[in-house]
Protein backbone atom coordinates (compact mmCIF):
# COMPACT_ATOMS: atom_id res chain seq x y z
CA MET A 1 -12.23 -21.22 102.47
CA ARG A 2 -10.66 -18.08 101.04
CA LYS A 3 -7.34 -19.92 100.55
CA VAL A 4 -9.12 -22.71 98.64
CA ARG A 5 -10.79 -20.18 96.30
CA ASP A 6 -7.46 -18.45 95.59
CA LEU A 7 -5.84 -21.78 94.80
CA LEU A 8 -8.66 -22.69 92.38
CA ARG A 9 -8.29 -19.35 90.56
CA GLN A 10 -4.57 -19.97 90.12
CA LEU A 11 -5.17 -23.49 88.76
CA ILE A 12 -7.80 -22.20 86.29
CA GLY A 13 -5.40 -19.46 85.09
CA VAL A 14 -2.62 -21.99 84.52
CA PHE A 15 -5.02 -24.26 82.62
CA ILE A 16 -6.21 -21.42 80.37
CA PHE A 17 -2.58 -20.41 79.67
CA LEU A 18 -1.67 -23.98 78.70
CA VAL A 19 -4.71 -24.28 76.41
CA LEU A 20 -3.83 -21.02 74.65
CA ALA A 21 -0.17 -22.02 74.25
CA VAL A 22 -1.09 -25.40 72.70
CA ALA A 23 -3.56 -23.71 70.36
CA LEU A 24 -0.93 -21.17 69.24
CA VAL A 25 1.63 -23.90 68.53
CA TYR A 26 -0.92 -25.86 66.51
CA ILE A 27 -1.91 -22.79 64.50
CA LEU A 28 1.73 -22.06 63.66
CA LYS A 29 2.38 -25.63 62.54
CA TRP A 30 -0.83 -25.70 60.46
CA GLY A 31 0.09 -22.40 58.77
CA ARG A 32 3.56 -23.65 57.74
CA GLY A 33 2.07 -26.73 56.17
CA PHE A 34 -0.44 -24.78 54.08
CA SER A 35 0.23 -24.78 50.34
CA THR A 36 -1.26 -22.10 47.96
CA ALA A 37 -1.18 -24.61 45.15
CA ASP A 38 -2.89 -27.28 47.29
CA SER A 39 -5.64 -24.89 48.29
CA PHE A 40 -6.60 -24.25 44.65
CA ALA A 41 -5.77 -27.65 43.23
CA GLY A 42 -8.69 -29.30 41.48
CA SER A 43 -10.96 -26.36 42.19
CA GLY A 44 -11.50 -25.68 38.48
CA THR A 45 -10.88 -21.93 38.98
CA SER A 46 -7.78 -19.80 38.47
CA ALA A 47 -5.86 -18.78 41.57
CA TYR A 48 -6.09 -15.14 42.60
CA PRO A 49 -3.82 -13.98 43.98
CA PRO A 50 -1.90 -16.34 41.65
CA PRO A 51 0.73 -18.83 42.87
CA VAL A 52 4.05 -17.55 44.18
CA THR A 53 7.05 -18.74 42.19
CA GLN A 54 10.70 -19.12 43.09
CA GLU A 55 13.43 -17.72 40.82
CA PRO A 56 16.88 -19.29 41.02
CA ALA A 57 19.72 -17.01 42.05
CA SER A 58 21.62 -17.53 38.77
CA SER A 59 18.72 -16.67 36.47
CA PRO A 60 19.69 -13.54 34.44
CA SER A 61 17.18 -10.93 33.41
CA THR A 62 16.54 -10.03 29.75
CA PRO A 63 19.16 -7.55 28.49
CA TYR A 64 17.78 -4.01 28.34
CA PRO A 65 18.28 -2.31 24.96
CA GLY A 66 19.60 0.91 26.44
CA PRO A 67 22.64 3.02 25.56
CA LEU A 68 25.53 1.36 23.76
CA GLU A 69 27.69 1.00 26.86
CA THR A 70 24.94 -0.85 28.78
CA GLN A 71 23.59 -3.14 26.07
CA GLY A 72 23.87 -6.83 26.85
CA THR A 73 24.40 -6.35 30.60
CA GLN A 74 22.92 -9.21 32.66
CA ILE A 75 21.61 -8.52 36.15
CA VAL A 76 22.17 -11.48 38.51
CA GLN A 77 20.20 -11.76 41.75
CA SER A 78 22.30 -12.42 44.83
CA SER A 79 19.68 -14.49 46.65
CA PRO A 80 16.41 -16.26 45.82
CA THR A 81 13.53 -13.84 45.38
CA THR A 82 9.88 -14.54 45.96
CA ARG A 83 7.75 -12.75 43.39
CA ALA A 84 4.00 -12.83 42.86
CA THR A 85 2.87 -12.69 39.22
CA LEU A 86 -0.25 -10.55 39.31
CA VAL A 87 -2.45 -10.79 36.23
CA PRO A 88 -4.42 -7.57 35.52
CA VAL A 89 -8.02 -7.64 34.44
CA PRO A 90 -8.46 -7.55 30.63
CA PRO A 91 -9.59 -4.19 29.23
CA PRO A 92 -13.25 -3.80 28.25
CA GLY A 93 -14.05 -5.39 24.90
CA TRP A 94 -10.96 -7.62 24.84
CA PRO A 95 -11.64 -10.39 22.27
CA THR A 96 -12.50 -13.67 23.98
CA ASN A 97 -10.37 -15.63 21.49
CA GLU A 98 -7.23 -13.57 22.18
CA PRO A 99 -4.82 -14.72 24.93
CA TRP A 100 -4.55 -12.52 27.99
CA PRO A 101 -2.19 -11.00 28.88
CA PRO A 102 -0.73 -10.45 25.36
CA ASP A 103 2.53 -12.21 24.58
CA ALA A 104 5.14 -9.49 25.06
CA SER A 105 7.72 -11.48 23.11
CA ARG A 106 5.75 -11.07 19.87
CA SER A 107 6.39 -7.96 17.79
CA THR A 108 4.15 -6.69 15.02
CA PRO A 109 5.90 -6.91 11.64
CA TYR A 110 6.50 -3.61 9.88
CA PRO A 111 4.33 -2.80 8.13
CA THR A 112 1.37 -4.87 9.28
CA ASP A 113 0.13 -7.29 6.65
CA ASN A 114 -3.41 -5.92 6.42
CA TYR A 115 -2.71 -3.38 3.69
CA PRO A 116 -4.43 -3.71 0.33
CA LEU A 117 -2.60 -5.17 -2.62
CA PHE A 118 -1.33 -2.65 -5.14
CA PRO A 119 -1.71 -1.25 -7.75
CA THR A 120 -5.02 -0.05 -6.27
CA PRO A 121 -7.04 1.96 -8.80
CA ASP A 122 -10.55 0.74 -8.02
CA GLN A 123 -13.73 0.98 -10.09
CA SER A 124 -14.71 4.30 -8.54
CA SER A 125 -11.46 5.94 -9.60
CA SER A 126 -10.74 4.14 -12.91
CA GLN A 127 -12.98 6.62 -14.72
CA TYR A 128 -10.30 9.27 -14.19
CA PHE A 129 -7.63 7.34 -16.09
CA ASP A 130 -8.65 8.94 -19.36
CA GLN A 131 -7.88 12.35 -17.86
CA LEU A 132 -4.33 11.43 -16.86
CA PRO A 133 -1.30 12.50 -18.88
CA GLY A 134 -0.02 9.62 -20.98
CA ALA A 135 3.31 9.29 -19.16
CA ILE A 136 3.73 9.33 -15.37
CA THR A 137 6.85 7.72 -13.91
CA LEU A 138 7.34 7.39 -10.18
CA TRP A 139 10.29 5.98 -8.19
CA PHE A 140 9.39 5.02 -4.64
CA PRO A 141 10.25 2.59 -1.78
CA TYR A 142 8.09 -0.51 -2.16
CA PHE A 143 7.22 -3.29 0.32
CA GLU A 144 7.20 -6.71 -1.33
CA LYS A 145 5.91 -8.30 1.90
CA ALA A 146 5.00 -7.13 5.36
CA ASP A 147 8.13 -8.60 6.95
CA THR A 148 10.74 -7.57 4.34
CA ALA A 149 12.79 -4.41 3.90
CA PRO A 150 11.58 -2.05 1.17
CA THR A 151 13.23 -1.81 -2.25
CA PHE A 152 12.94 0.78 -4.98
CA LYS A 153 10.28 0.30 -7.63
CA GLU A 154 9.35 2.21 -10.75
CA ALA A 155 5.61 2.79 -11.24
CA LYS A 156 4.19 3.77 -14.62
CA ILE A 157 0.63 4.55 -15.53
CA ASP A 158 -0.98 2.44 -18.26
CA VAL A 159 -3.85 4.65 -19.41
CA ALA A 160 -5.16 2.19 -21.99
CA ASN A 161 -5.49 -0.70 -19.54
CA LYS A 162 -6.38 1.48 -16.54
CA ALA A 163 -3.55 0.00 -14.47
CA VAL A 164 -0.23 0.85 -12.86
CA GLU A 165 2.81 -1.18 -13.90
CA LEU A 166 5.51 -1.88 -11.32
CA THR A 167 9.08 -2.77 -12.32
CA PRO A 168 12.31 -3.00 -10.26
CA PHE A 169 14.43 0.14 -10.08
CA SER A 170 17.96 -1.03 -9.39
CA VAL A 171 20.21 1.30 -7.41
CA GLU A 172 22.92 0.53 -4.89
CA LEU A 173 21.06 1.90 -1.91
CA LYS A 174 19.79 0.06 1.11
CA ILE A 175 16.46 1.42 2.33
CA PRO A 176 16.22 0.66 6.05
CA THR A 177 12.98 -0.47 7.59
CA PRO A 178 12.10 2.16 10.23
CA LEU A 179 12.57 0.96 13.80
CA ILE A 180 10.01 1.80 16.45
CA GLY A 181 11.34 2.80 19.86
CA PRO A 182 13.61 5.26 21.67
CA ASP A 183 16.41 4.71 19.13
CA PRO A 184 14.64 4.67 15.75
CA GLY A 185 17.76 4.29 13.60
CA PRO A 186 18.13 5.51 10.01
CA VAL A 187 14.96 6.56 8.21
CA LEU A 188 14.68 7.62 4.56
CA VAL A 189 13.16 11.11 4.74
CA ASP A 190 13.69 12.70 1.32
CA LEU A 191 14.91 12.19 -2.25
CA HIS A 192 16.42 14.91 -4.49
CA LEU A 193 16.82 14.44 -8.25
CA SER A 194 19.18 16.64 -10.28
CA SER A 195 17.74 18.55 -13.24
CA ASP A 196 19.57 16.27 -15.72
CA SER A 197 18.06 13.18 -13.99
CA ARG A 198 21.48 11.60 -13.57
CA TRP A 199 22.10 12.18 -9.87
CA LEU A 200 19.90 11.28 -6.92
CA VAL A 201 20.47 12.23 -3.28
CA ALA A 202 18.84 10.16 -0.53
CA ASP A 203 18.52 11.95 2.81
CA PHE A 204 18.37 9.82 5.96
CA ALA A 205 17.48 10.83 9.51
CA TYR A 206 20.10 9.71 12.08
CA SER A 207 22.56 9.00 9.25
CA SER A 208 24.45 10.71 6.42
CA SER A 209 22.97 11.36 3.00
CA GLN A 210 23.91 9.20 0.03
CA LEU A 211 24.70 10.32 -3.54
CA ILE A 212 23.63 7.93 -6.31
CA ASP A 213 24.89 7.96 -9.89
CA LEU A 214 21.80 6.81 -11.80
CA SER A 215 23.85 5.95 -14.91
CA THR A 216 25.55 3.16 -12.95
CA GLY A 217 23.30 2.70 -9.91
CA LYS A 218 26.33 3.13 -7.60
CA SER A 219 26.12 5.15 -4.40
CA ARG A 220 28.61 6.88 -2.11
CA GLU A 221 28.71 9.24 0.87
CA LEU A 222 27.44 12.68 -0.04
CA ALA A 223 30.27 14.79 1.40
CA PHE A 224 34.05 14.45 1.65
CA ASN A 225 36.68 15.16 4.32
CA LEU A 226 33.96 14.85 6.92
CA SER A 227 34.38 17.14 9.93
CA SER A 228 30.99 16.26 11.39
CA PRO A 229 29.16 12.92 11.60
CA TYR A 230 26.30 13.63 9.19
CA TRP A 231 25.96 15.70 6.02
CA LYS A 232 22.63 16.68 4.46
CA PHE A 233 21.62 17.90 1.03
CA VAL A 234 20.68 21.60 0.88
CA SER A 235 20.32 22.66 -2.73
CA TRP A 236 21.34 21.99 -6.31
CA VAL A 237 23.64 24.86 -7.26
CA SER A 238 24.37 24.49 -10.99
CA ASN A 239 23.62 22.11 -13.85
CA ASN A 240 26.79 22.12 -15.96
CA PRO A 241 28.78 20.86 -14.20
CA VAL A 242 26.28 19.54 -11.65
CA LYS A 243 27.06 20.99 -8.23
CA LEU A 244 25.22 20.73 -4.95
CA LEU A 245 25.45 22.25 -1.51
CA ALA A 246 25.58 20.15 1.67
CA PHE A 247 25.49 21.10 5.36
CA GLY A 248 27.34 19.34 8.16
CA SER A 249 25.54 18.41 11.37
CA GLU A 250 27.45 20.71 13.69
CA VAL A 251 25.25 23.16 15.57
CA PRO A 252 25.18 26.04 14.91
CA ILE A 253 25.78 25.48 11.19
CA LYS A 254 28.50 27.80 9.94
CA ASN A 255 30.03 25.78 7.13
CA GLY A 256 29.08 23.63 4.20
CA GLN A 257 30.51 21.89 1.17
CA LEU A 258 30.01 22.93 -2.44
CA ILE A 259 30.48 19.66 -4.31
CA ASN A 260 31.16 19.02 -7.99
CA VAL A 261 29.45 15.64 -8.22
CA ASP A 262 30.94 14.71 -11.61
CA LYS A 263 34.52 15.08 -10.38
CA ALA A 264 33.76 14.16 -6.77
CA GLU A 265 35.56 17.32 -5.70
CA VAL A 266 34.90 19.85 -2.98
CA GLU A 267 35.37 23.30 -4.49
CA GLN A 268 34.61 25.34 -1.40
CA ALA A 269 35.06 24.05 2.14
CA THR A 270 33.93 27.23 3.92
CA LEU A 271 30.48 28.29 2.80
CA LEU A 272 29.93 31.54 4.66
CA GLU A 273 32.07 33.80 6.75
CA LYS A 274 30.88 34.41 10.29
CA ASP A 275 30.05 38.07 9.67
CA ALA A 276 27.70 37.09 6.82
CA ILE A 277 25.47 35.28 9.32
CA GLU A 278 26.28 37.54 12.29
CA ASP A 279 25.01 36.02 15.55
CA GLY A 280 22.42 33.59 14.20
CA ASP A 281 22.21 29.99 13.01
CA LEU A 282 22.16 29.24 9.29
CA ALA A 283 18.84 27.55 8.49
CA GLY A 284 18.66 27.29 4.70
CA ILE A 285 20.09 28.35 1.34
CA ALA A 286 18.49 28.31 -2.12
CA TYR A 287 20.02 29.28 -5.48
CA SER A 288 17.77 30.89 -8.08
CA PRO A 289 17.28 28.91 -11.32
CA ASP A 290 18.94 31.68 -13.37
CA GLY A 291 22.00 31.58 -11.10
CA ALA A 292 21.79 35.30 -10.31
CA ASN A 293 20.82 35.17 -6.63
CA ARG A 294 21.34 33.15 -3.50
CA ALA A 295 18.75 33.32 -0.70
CA ILE A 296 19.76 32.67 2.91
CA THR A 297 17.72 32.20 6.08
CA VAL A 298 19.16 32.79 9.56
CA VAL A 299 17.40 32.05 12.87
CA LYS A 300 18.49 34.21 15.82
CA PRO A 301 17.61 33.18 19.41
CA PRO A 302 16.75 35.52 22.28
CA THR A 303 19.95 36.98 23.69
CA ALA A 304 20.39 39.04 26.86
CA GLY A 305 21.02 42.67 26.00
CA VAL A 306 20.45 42.08 22.26
CA ARG A 307 16.90 40.81 21.60
CA LYS A 308 13.98 39.61 23.68
CA ASN A 309 12.44 37.27 21.13
CA TRP A 310 13.35 34.90 18.32
CA ILE A 311 13.92 36.44 14.89
CA THR A 312 14.14 34.81 11.46
CA GLU A 313 15.95 36.79 8.76
CA VAL A 314 15.73 36.12 5.03
CA CYS A 315 18.50 37.64 2.94
CA LEU A 316 19.89 37.81 -0.57
CA GLN A 317 23.59 36.90 -1.01
CA ASP A 318 24.26 37.36 2.74
CA CYS A 319 22.56 38.97 5.72
CA LYS A 320 25.20 41.68 6.11
CA THR A 321 24.41 43.39 2.83
CA ARG A 322 20.72 42.77 2.01
CA LYS A 323 17.90 41.63 4.28
CA ILE A 324 14.56 41.15 2.56
CA ALA A 325 12.51 40.06 5.58
CA GLU A 326 12.82 40.04 9.37
CA ILE A 327 10.13 37.96 11.08
CA GLU A 328 9.62 38.66 14.78
CA GLY A 329 9.11 35.44 16.78
CA GLY A 330 10.46 33.21 13.99
CA ALA A 331 11.70 30.36 16.18
CA SER A 332 12.32 27.63 13.58
CA PHE A 333 12.53 27.25 9.83
CA VAL A 334 10.89 24.46 7.79
CA ASP A 335 13.58 22.52 5.93
CA GLY A 336 13.30 22.72 2.15
CA SER A 337 10.72 25.52 2.24
CA LEU A 338 13.04 28.23 0.86
CA GLN A 339 12.18 27.95 -2.84
CA TRP A 340 12.53 30.16 -5.92
CA SER A 341 9.81 30.36 -8.53
CA PRO A 342 10.62 28.86 -11.95
CA ASN A 343 11.27 32.36 -13.39
CA SER A 344 13.56 33.36 -10.44
CA ARG A 345 11.39 36.42 -9.60
CA ASN A 346 9.61 35.18 -6.45
CA LEU A 347 10.82 33.45 -3.31
CA ILE A 348 8.73 31.52 -0.76
CA TRP A 349 9.51 30.08 2.66
CA THR A 350 7.77 28.73 5.78
CA VAL A 351 8.70 29.70 9.34
CA VAL A 352 7.20 28.68 12.70
CA VAL A 353 6.49 31.87 14.65
CA MET A 354 6.10 32.00 18.43
CA GLY A 355 3.64 34.69 19.47
CA ASP A 356 2.28 35.99 22.77
CA GLY A 357 1.64 33.30 25.35
CA GLY A 358 3.68 30.75 23.40
CA LYS A 359 1.12 30.54 20.58
CA LEU A 360 2.66 28.93 17.49
CA GLU A 361 1.92 29.57 13.82
CA ALA A 362 3.48 27.97 10.76
CA GLN A 363 3.49 30.94 8.39
CA SER A 364 4.00 30.88 4.61
CA TRP A 365 5.74 33.99 3.18
CA ILE A 366 6.49 35.27 -0.33
CA TYR A 367 9.02 37.82 -1.62
CA ASN A 368 8.74 39.56 -5.00
CA MET A 369 11.98 40.66 -6.66
CA ASP A 370 10.33 43.26 -8.89
CA THR A 371 8.61 45.15 -6.06
CA ASP A 372 11.23 44.26 -3.42
CA THR A 373 8.50 43.40 -0.91
CA ALA A 374 7.80 40.42 1.34
CA LYS A 375 4.36 39.54 2.71
CA LEU A 376 2.57 36.85 4.70
CA LEU A 377 0.65 34.48 2.41
CA ASP A 378 -1.09 32.10 4.80
CA VAL A 379 -1.04 30.35 8.17
CA LEU A 380 -0.54 26.63 7.59
CA GLY A 381 -0.70 25.18 11.10
CA SER A 382 -0.28 25.81 14.82
CA SER A 383 2.46 23.39 15.81
CA VAL A 384 6.24 23.47 16.04
CA LYS A 385 6.12 20.06 14.36
CA TYR A 386 5.02 21.57 11.03
CA ILE A 387 7.52 20.17 8.50
CA TYR A 388 5.84 20.40 5.08
CA PRO A 389 7.50 22.64 2.47
CA PRO A 390 5.33 24.32 -0.20
CA THR A 391 5.75 23.60 -3.90
CA TRP A 392 5.58 25.82 -7.00
CA SER A 393 3.42 24.92 -9.99
CA PRO A 394 5.49 24.48 -13.20
CA ASP A 395 4.23 27.81 -14.59
CA GLY A 396 4.93 29.69 -11.34
CA SER A 397 1.35 30.96 -10.93
CA THR A 398 0.28 28.78 -8.00
CA ILE A 399 1.71 27.41 -4.77
CA ALA A 400 0.44 24.13 -3.33
CA VAL A 401 0.63 23.78 0.47
CA LEU A 402 -0.44 21.35 3.17
CA LYS A 403 -2.52 22.96 5.91
CA THR A 404 -2.68 21.16 9.25
CA VAL A 405 -5.53 20.98 11.77
CA GLN A 406 -6.29 18.74 14.75
CA ASN A 407 -9.00 16.12 14.29
CA SER A 408 -12.19 16.31 16.34
CA ASP A 409 -10.78 14.64 19.46
CA GLY A 410 -7.36 16.32 19.20
CA SER A 411 -5.48 13.01 18.91
CA LYS A 412 -4.10 13.45 15.38
CA GLU A 413 -3.01 16.16 12.97
CA ILE A 414 -4.88 16.07 9.65
CA GLN A 415 -3.47 17.57 6.45
CA ASN A 416 -5.29 18.80 3.36
CA VAL A 417 -4.03 20.25 0.09
CA PHE A 418 -4.65 23.95 -0.58
CA LEU A 419 -3.80 26.04 -3.66
CA ILE A 420 -2.72 29.68 -3.38
CA ASP A 421 -2.82 32.02 -6.40
CA VAL A 422 0.34 34.13 -5.97
CA ILE A 423 -1.02 37.00 -8.09
CA LYS A 424 -4.48 37.33 -6.52
CA GLY A 425 -3.51 35.92 -3.12
CA GLU A 426 -6.62 33.73 -3.17
CA GLU A 427 -6.72 30.33 -1.48
CA ARG A 428 -8.69 27.23 -2.47
CA GLN A 429 -9.02 23.90 -0.62
CA LEU A 430 -8.40 20.96 -2.96
CA THR A 431 -8.85 17.86 -0.75
CA ASN A 432 -11.26 17.11 2.10
CA PHE A 433 -9.60 14.40 4.19
CA THR A 434 -10.85 13.94 7.75
CA ASN A 435 -8.53 11.24 9.09
CA TYR A 436 -5.32 11.17 7.05
CA GLN A 437 -1.85 12.61 7.42
CA LEU A 438 -0.23 13.72 4.15
CA SER A 439 3.33 14.60 3.15
CA HIS A 440 5.72 15.14 0.20
CA LEU A 441 3.38 17.25 -1.88
CA GLN A 442 4.60 17.62 -5.50
CA TRP A 443 3.29 18.87 -8.85
CA LEU A 444 3.25 16.56 -11.84
CA PRO A 445 5.17 18.05 -14.79
CA ASP A 446 1.99 18.97 -16.70
CA GLY A 447 0.80 21.25 -13.88
CA ASN A 448 -2.68 19.70 -13.80
CA TRP A 449 -2.11 17.06 -11.13
CA LEU A 450 -0.43 16.84 -7.72
CA ALA A 451 0.99 13.83 -5.90
CA PHE A 452 1.32 13.24 -2.16
CA THR A 453 1.99 10.48 0.35
CA VAL A 454 -0.87 9.25 2.55
CA ASN A 455 0.26 7.96 5.95
CA LYS A 456 -1.87 5.00 7.05
CA GLY A 457 0.00 4.21 10.26
CA ASP A 458 2.18 1.19 9.62
CA TYR A 459 2.56 1.91 5.92
CA GLY A 460 1.90 4.58 3.29
CA GLU A 461 0.39 5.04 -0.17
CA ILE A 462 1.04 7.57 -2.94
CA TRP A 463 -2.05 9.26 -4.36
CA ILE A 464 -2.58 11.87 -7.08
CA THR A 465 -5.31 14.49 -7.49
CA ASN A 466 -6.31 16.79 -10.30
CA LEU A 467 -7.16 20.45 -9.80
CA ASP A 468 -10.85 19.56 -9.37
CA GLY A 469 -10.05 17.42 -6.33
CA LYS A 470 -10.60 14.05 -8.05
CA ILE A 471 -8.29 11.61 -6.28
CA LEU A 472 -6.66 8.44 -7.59
CA PRO A 473 -4.60 6.00 -5.47
CA PHE A 474 -1.46 5.51 -7.53
CA ALA A 475 1.26 3.40 -5.86
CA GLY A 476 2.23 1.49 -2.72
CA PRO A 477 2.46 0.03 -0.19
CA THR A 478 5.37 2.19 0.89
CA LEU A 479 6.85 3.74 4.01
CA PRO A 480 4.74 6.08 6.15
CA ASN A 481 5.58 9.61 5.01
CA ALA A 482 7.55 8.09 2.13
CA PRO A 483 9.53 10.27 -0.24
CA TYR A 484 9.35 9.57 -3.97
CA ILE A 485 10.57 10.95 -7.30
CA LEU A 486 8.27 12.10 -10.10
CA LYS A 487 9.67 12.16 -13.63
């Protein structure tokens, strides 16, 4: 009986093994025949996870716009790759009529086409037209359409009709549309008009400056016998003949070119001897209107065994013979901020100072020739990105500056116009913007109005304000942070 029971157990075990083996084979065959597409076909709902797609081995990827030596390279897969295309959940508030995900192949035109048409004096500001000087002429980059490159326009105020007239301003100068990305390309950053209004210099980031003869509209490279890739305008030196100073892009800057623009000649290839700058980097030069003095700024980095902190020196003629200020912690100098007063008796500049704990301050300074003293005027911001030079009023009594603060959530820097009385040292806020970035602050020739560029993201506008803070939109649309010329 025991032998019969053992035999039955063995038969039952074999039977169970066979049943399990058949079931496993069936499951494997059923799984191979299952199709993701079939399982969701006709269901009326989107597949998630979405269908798996096959990519052929010869399908190249989109070229990556990287460095020059890698542009256009195509990556070819050596074998078929299975890749799941996962679709993320739309963000909260995504418009129901907008496709999701967004089409990555579409790029927003520059600027976007939602800017207002110009000229823009509206009914609320037209009342100020009667207070404007009768003649205001402005040259600025103008966008005809959202998807076209800017061209120069001349804007003139028509006081009688309460309007701004726009006419073409023909010069042989291509104004590039700024490119967004890791390699932004050339950007027009500043314009410099000679005192006789015949010569115009256009400064570009990532490219050399251009010199324009306004009597013919022709342009050419600013400097000659180039020893460095880019040359930038520094200062007008004299008016008859018209000469200017340019710096090369080598770092540190030790040399420059003094150019007679009428004869297209370089009169002085070496600007400063090494001992005139000592162990620092040349940061700026400005010639006084009366031609009697030359101011120089030199930034000196921390050096083992020499100095523990940054120092900015401001000197007359050169730093070996006469230093007028030595600013401890002066880590960088604001381009274009070294400026003489109209009567050549005062000098102003702006330097970014690094204090204890890495705290930064953009400080505005003034030097008086008669008393031979330099003093701190004001703190204009707390960022190394501060780039806004001050500007003298035509009578030399007042300095206009842009002071920078963070907006309430810290996401953007906001600028407002302030006036500083250089005699009393008193400061007065002129504008009360809460969400705008300003740049290129300038006085109108009558000394009763100021102009500035308002950055609105994808484009800019040029506004003017009187000394009571009454603001009038004047011209645009233009580049964000656009330079312009007032005549």
